[in-house]
């Protein structure tokens, strides 16, 4: 008889965790969408910088336009810009290969 009571208590505890985890997933998704929206606004501001300022942070105007074009509305374009800036930083000051 005590096994049955324990099983009922475990089922109730499991249902409560399920509702909390669903809420956590919804909050996490909302936070992710909000971050993507803010980063899209920031990317539009980056596009307004002049070419010298873009070069200082390791980007070109083409990189910014491509990031805005290649991402959907709720995707994060700064991920593409970060990748572009890191690729350019790796190759920017390399010496040309010897012949």
C-alpha atoms as a PDB file:
ATOM      1  CA  UNK A   1       0.000   0.000   0.000  1.00  0.00           C
ATOM      2  CA  UNK A   2       2.819   2.429   0.687  1.00  0.00           C
ATOM      3  CA  UNK A   3       4.201   1.763  -2.834  1.00  0.00           C
ATOM      4  CA  UNK A   4       0.957   2.952  -4.412  1.00  0.00           C
ATOM      5  CA  UNK A   5       0.945   6.140  -2.342  1.00  0.00           C
ATOM      6  CA  UNK A   6       4.550   6.811  -3.286  1.00  0.00           C
ATOM      7  CA  UNK A   7       3.736   6.298  -6.970  1.00  0.00           C
ATOM      8  CA  UNK A   8       0.902   8.808  -6.784  1.00  0.00           C
ATOM      9  CA  UNK A   9       3.145  11.379  -5.142  1.00  0.00           C
ATOM     10  CA  UNK A  10       5.790  10.890  -7.829  1.00  0.00           C
ATOM     11  CA  UNK A  11       3.211  11.369 -10.594  1.00  0.00           C
ATOM     12  CA  UNK A  12       2.041  14.641  -9.072  1.00  0.00           C
ATOM     13  CA  UNK A  13       5.590  15.874  -8.674  1.00  0.00           C
ATOM     14  CA  UNK A  14       6.349  14.928 -12.282  1.00  0.00           C
ATOM     15  CA  UNK A  15       3.353  16.888 -13.623  1.00  0.00           C
ATOM     16  CA  UNK A  16       4.421  19.995 -11.720  1.00  0.00           C
ATOM     17  CA  UNK A  17       7.944  19.785 -13.145  1.00  0.00           C
ATOM     18  CA  UNK A  18       6.525  19.441 -16.639  1.00  0.00           C
ATOM     19  CA  UNK A  19       4.570  22.692 -16.343  1.00  0.00           C
ATOM     20  CA  UNK A  20       7.599  24.497 -14.920  1.00  0.00           C
ATOM     21  CA  UNK A  21       9.841  23.203 -17.694  1.00  0.00           C
ATOM     22  CA  UNK A  22       7.313  24.274 -20.354  1.00  0.00           C
ATOM     23  CA  UNK A  23       7.256  27.740 -18.836  1.00  0.00           C
ATOM     24  CA  UNK A  24      11.060  27.785 -18.807  1.00  0.00           C
ATOM     25  CA  UNK A  25      11.114  26.837 -22.508  1.00  0.00           C
ATOM     26  CA  UNK A  26       8.647  29.613 -23.354  1.00  0.00           C
ATOM     27  CA  UNK A  27      10.675  32.161 -21.378  1.00  0.00           C
ATOM     28  CA  UNK A  28      13.901  31.018 -22.999  1.00  0.00           C
ATOM     29  CA  UNK A  29      12.367  31.280 -26.486  1.00  0.00           C
ATOM     30  CA  UNK A  30      11.000  34.756 -25.720  1.00  0.00           C
ATOM     31  CA  UNK A  31      14.404  35.858 -24.465  1.00  0.00           C
ATOM     32  CA  UNK A  32      16.057  34.500 -27.618  1.00  0.00           C
ATOM     33  CA  UNK A  33      13.604  36.323 -29.895  1.00  0.00           C
ATOM     34  CA  UNK A  34      14.085  39.568 -27.990  1.00  0.00           C
ATOM     35  CA  UNK A  35      17.883  39.236 -28.258  1.00  0.00           C
ATOM     36  CA  UNK A  36      17.624  38.601 -32.010  1.00  0.00           C
ATOM     37  CA  UNK A  37      15.416  41.681 -32.438  1.00  0.00           C
ATOM     38  CA  UNK A  38      17.828  43.887 -30.469  1.00  0.00           C
ATOM     39  CA  UNK A  39      20.785  42.554 -32.440  1.00  0.00           C
ATOM     40  CA  UNK A  40      18.978  43.246 -35.738  1.00  0.00           C
ATOM     41  CA  UNK A  41      18.476  46.859 -34.624  1.00  0.00           C
ATOM     42  CA  UNK A  42      22.166  47.038 -33.647  1.00  0.00           C
ATOM     43  CA  UNK A  43      23.166  45.623 -37.047  1.00  0.00           C
ATOM     44  CA  UNK A  44      21.165  48.353 -38.773  1.00  0.00           C
ATOM     45  CA  UNK A  45      23.082  50.904 -36.701  1.00  0.00           C
ATOM     46  CA  UNK A  46      26.361  49.269 -37.673  1.00  0.00           C
ATOM     47  CA  UNK A  47      25.369  49.606 -41.336  1.00  0.00           C
ATOM     48  CA  UNK A  48      25.148  53.389 -40.828  1.00  0.00           C
ATOM     49  CA  UNK A  49      28.837  53.609 -39.825  1.00  0.00           C
ATOM     50  CA  UNK A  50      31.276  54.893 -42.437  1.00  0.00           C
ATOM     51  CA  UNK A  51      33.772  52.580 -44.123  1.00  0.00           C
ATOM     52  CA  UNK A  52      36.710  53.582 -41.902  1.00  0.00           C
ATOM     53  CA  UNK A  53      34.756  52.801 -38.741  1.00  0.00           C
ATOM     54  CA  UNK A  54      33.649  49.462 -40.178  1.00  0.00           C
ATOM     55  CA  UNK A  55      37.261  48.666 -41.044  1.00  0.00           C
ATOM     56  CA  UNK A  56      38.282  49.461 -37.451  1.00  0.00           C
ATOM     57  CA  UNK A  57      35.978  46.735 -36.140  1.00  0.00           C
ATOM     58  CA  UNK A  58      37.022  44.299 -38.859  1.00  0.00           C
ATOM     59  CA  UNK A  59      33.955  44.462 -41.094  1.00  0.00           C
ATOM     60  CA  UNK A  60      33.065  45.726 -44.530  1.00  0.00           C
ATOM     61  CA  UNK A  61      29.796  47.212 -45.709  1.00  0.00           C
ATOM     62  CA  UNK A  62      29.302  44.060 -47.775  1.00  0.00           C
ATOM     63  CA  UNK A  63      29.539  41.904 -44.618  1.00  0.00           C
ATOM     64  CA  UNK A  64      26.818  43.915 -42.883  1.00  0.00           C
ATOM     65  CA  UNK A  65      24.508  43.937 -45.910  1.00  0.00           C
ATOM     66  CA  UNK A  66      25.031  40.199 -46.370  1.00  0.00           C
ATOM     67  CA  UNK A  67      24.237  39.494 -42.709  1.00  0.00           C
ATOM     68  CA  UNK A  68      20.998  41.458 -42.952  1.00  0.00           C
ATOM     69  CA  UNK A  69      20.061  39.823 -46.244  1.00  0.00           C
ATOM     70  CA  UNK A  70      20.897  36.225 -45.323  1.00  0.00           C
ATOM     71  CA  UNK A  71      19.071  36.083 -41.995  1.00  0.00           C
ATOM     72  CA  UNK A  72      15.362  35.823 -41.448  1.00  0.00           C
ATOM     73  CA  UNK A  73      13.462  38.399 -39.426  1.00  0.00           C
ATOM     74  CA  UNK A  74      13.802  36.558 -36.108  1.00  0.00           C
ATOM     75  CA  UNK A  75      17.358  35.280 -36.645  1.00  0.00           C
ATOM     76  CA  UNK A  76      20.410  36.941 -35.147  1.00  0.00           C
ATOM     77  CA  UNK A  77      22.533  38.720 -37.811  1.00  0.00           C
ATOM     78  CA  UNK A  78      25.325  39.500 -35.333  1.00  0.00           C
ATOM     79  CA  UNK A  79      26.331  35.839 -35.371  1.00  0.00           C
ATOM     80  CA  UNK A  80      27.231  36.188 -39.059  1.00  0.00           C
ATOM     81  CA  UNK A  81      29.006  39.492 -38.435  1.00  0.00           C
ATOM     82  CA  UNK A  82      31.041  37.954 -35.631  1.00  0.00           C
ATOM     83  CA  UNK A  83      32.072  35.111 -37.924  1.00  0.00           C
ATOM     84  CA  UNK A  84      33.047  37.555 -40.700  1.00  0.00           C
ATOM     85  CA  UNK A  85      35.092  39.738 -38.346  1.00  0.00           C
ATOM     86  CA  UNK A  86      36.944  36.728 -36.927  1.00  0.00           C
ATOM     87  CA  UNK A  87      37.735  35.383 -40.397  1.00  0.00           C
ATOM     88  CA  UNK A  88      39.087  38.769 -41.468  1.00  0.00           C
ATOM     89  CA  UNK A  89      41.148  39.079 -38.258  1.00  0.00           C
ATOM     90  CA  UNK A  90      42.813  35.731 -38.949  1.00  0.00           C
ATOM     91  CA  UNK A  91      43.953  36.762 -42.408  1.00  0.00           C
ATOM     92  CA  UNK A  92      44.340  40.533 -42.088  1.00  0.00           C
ATOM     93  CA  UNK A  93      47.964  40.776 -41.020  1.00  0.00           C
ATOM     94  CA  UNK A  94      49.330  37.557 -42.424  1.00  0.00           C
ATOM     95  CA  UNK A  95      52.462  37.792 -44.474  1.00  0.00           C
ATOM     96  CA  UNK A  96      52.120  36.783 -48.100  1.00  0.00           C
ATOM     97  CA  UNK A  97      53.550  33.335 -48.853  1.00  0.00           C
ATOM     98  CA  UNK A  98      57.170  33.239 -50.060  1.00  0.00           C
ATOM     99  CA  UNK A  99      57.768  32.320 -53.641  1.00  0.00           C
END
